[in-house]
Structure formats: C-alpha cells, structure tokens
C-alpha cells in the first residue's frame, strides 16, 4: 500500500550547539552542518518496508552483502517476510521504476 506524504519545509543539519554537545564522541560530524532550509514536494511512500519476497518477485533476485563489505558489516537475517536489505541506490530506483 502506498500513502501520500505532503511536502513541506524543514531545517536540515545540526546546529553549532548540537555539534558541540557531540564533540566528545569519536566520530566525524562535519557533514552535519551548516543548518539550512530544505523544501520537498509531495511524494508517495510505501506504508511498510519492501520485503525480500516482494523485491525478489519484482526484480528476480534479493540483494546480497556488498563485495566491499568487510568484517565490520553487521549480519542481516534473511527471510521472505523480512525487509529487503543491502539495496543500493540504482537497485532502489529500478525497483520503483518497475
């Protein structure tokens, strides 16, 4: 089932205060700012995740762990009723086009 999501405007990115509060965490948050207004148009979205069975039925395959994924990748359970995972951008676009 597909539902309608109304467009709107929102503030994207972290404020200087938020970034300062995260300074003690050993991660790079430099791409979190600066804050800026973003406007999106109305769009449609699936009410639930696409399952592995739905992805396979339409595309003929279920994406697998990426080749460049090393031992630090987390394990994703497989099963027809579980959400499709490891779907890259081009596969997602192809699924939507299909």
Protein backbone atom coordinates (compact mmCIF):
# COMPACT_ATOMS: atom_id res chain seq x y z
CA UNK A 1 0.00 0.00 0.00
CA UNK A 2 1.29 3.46 -0.94
CA UNK A 3 0.45 6.54 1.11
CA UNK A 4 0.64 10.25 0.29
CA UNK A 5 3.24 12.32 2.13
CA UNK A 6 2.61 16.07 1.97
CA UNK A 7 5.54 18.28 1.08
CA UNK A 8 6.89 20.95 3.33
CA UNK A 9 9.90 22.87 4.54
CA UNK A 10 12.21 21.84 7.37
CA UNK A 11 15.55 22.75 8.87
CA UNK A 12 18.20 20.17 7.92
CA UNK A 13 21.50 19.72 9.71
CA UNK A 14 22.79 20.09 13.22
CA UNK A 15 23.17 23.44 14.96
CA UNK A 16 26.52 24.58 16.33
CA UNK A 17 25.20 23.83 19.82
CA UNK A 18 24.23 20.28 18.86
CA UNK A 19 27.61 19.68 17.24
CA UNK A 20 29.38 21.00 20.34
CA UNK A 21 27.39 18.58 22.50
CA UNK A 22 28.65 15.71 20.34
CA UNK A 23 32.30 16.80 20.40
CA UNK A 24 33.22 14.13 22.96
CA UNK A 25 32.16 11.30 20.61
CA UNK A 26 34.94 9.88 18.45
CA UNK A 27 33.05 10.33 15.19
CA UNK A 28 33.24 12.85 12.39
CA UNK A 29 30.10 15.00 12.32
CA UNK A 30 31.49 17.62 9.91
CA UNK A 31 28.85 16.75 7.31
CA UNK A 32 26.03 17.54 9.76
CA UNK A 33 26.12 21.28 9.16
CA UNK A 34 25.55 24.01 8.44
CA UNK A 35 21.82 24.07 9.06
CA UNK A 36 19.76 25.09 6.06
CA UNK A 37 16.14 25.12 4.96
CA UNK A 38 15.03 22.31 2.68
CA UNK A 39 11.74 22.17 0.80
CA UNK A 40 10.36 18.91 -0.54
CA UNK A 41 7.38 18.34 -2.81
CA UNK A 42 4.55 15.94 -2.07
CA UNK A 43 5.55 12.32 -2.65
CA UNK A 44 4.27 8.77 -2.25
CA UNK A 45 5.84 6.20 0.06
CA UNK A 46 5.18 2.57 0.82
CA UNK A 47 3.32 2.14 4.10
CA UNK A 48 5.71 -0.65 5.12
CA UNK A 49 9.18 -1.78 4.16
CA UNK A 50 9.58 -3.76 0.95
CA UNK A 51 10.06 -7.39 1.95
CA UNK A 52 12.67 -9.68 0.50
CA UNK A 53 9.85 -11.69 -1.14
CA UNK A 54 8.37 -8.56 -2.76
CA UNK A 55 11.79 -7.45 -4.02
CA UNK A 56 12.51 -10.93 -5.44
CA UNK A 57 9.07 -11.17 -7.08
CA UNK A 58 9.57 -7.91 -8.96
CA UNK A 59 13.32 -7.91 -9.58
CA UNK A 60 14.14 -11.62 -9.75
CA UNK A 61 16.80 -11.51 -7.03
CA UNK A 62 17.43 -10.39 -3.47
CA UNK A 63 20.48 -8.14 -2.92
CA UNK A 64 23.39 -9.76 -1.12
CA UNK A 65 26.09 -8.35 1.15
CA UNK A 66 28.21 -5.90 -0.88
CA UNK A 67 31.59 -7.20 -2.03
CA UNK A 68 33.37 -4.26 -0.39
CA UNK A 69 31.74 -5.05 2.97
CA UNK A 70 34.43 -6.21 5.31
CA UNK A 71 34.13 -7.95 8.66
CA UNK A 72 32.75 -4.77 10.24
CA UNK A 73 29.41 -5.15 8.46
CA UNK A 74 26.55 -6.38 10.57
CA UNK A 75 24.70 -9.56 9.74
CA UNK A 76 21.25 -9.20 8.22
CA UNK A 77 18.78 -12.03 8.69
CA UNK A 78 17.25 -13.45 5.53
CA UNK A 79 13.60 -14.39 5.14
CA UNK A 80 10.72 -13.65 2.81
CA UNK A 81 8.81 -11.61 5.42
CA UNK A 82 11.83 -9.52 6.43
CA UNK A 83 12.73 -6.16 4.85
CA UNK A 84 14.94 -6.19 1.78
CA UNK A 85 18.46 -5.14 2.75
CA UNK A 86 21.68 -4.14 1.02
CA UNK A 87 19.65 -2.41 -1.70
CA UNK A 88 21.85 0.18 -3.38
CA UNK A 89 20.55 3.39 -4.94
CA UNK A 90 20.40 2.12 -8.52
CA UNK A 91 18.54 -1.05 -7.43
CA UNK A 92 16.07 1.02 -5.41
CA UNK A 93 15.40 3.26 -8.41
CA UNK A 94 14.99 0.22 -10.66
CA UNK A 95 12.55 -1.31 -8.17
CA UNK A 96 10.49 1.90 -8.10
CA UNK A 97 10.54 2.16 -11.89
CA UNK A 98 9.42 -1.46 -12.19
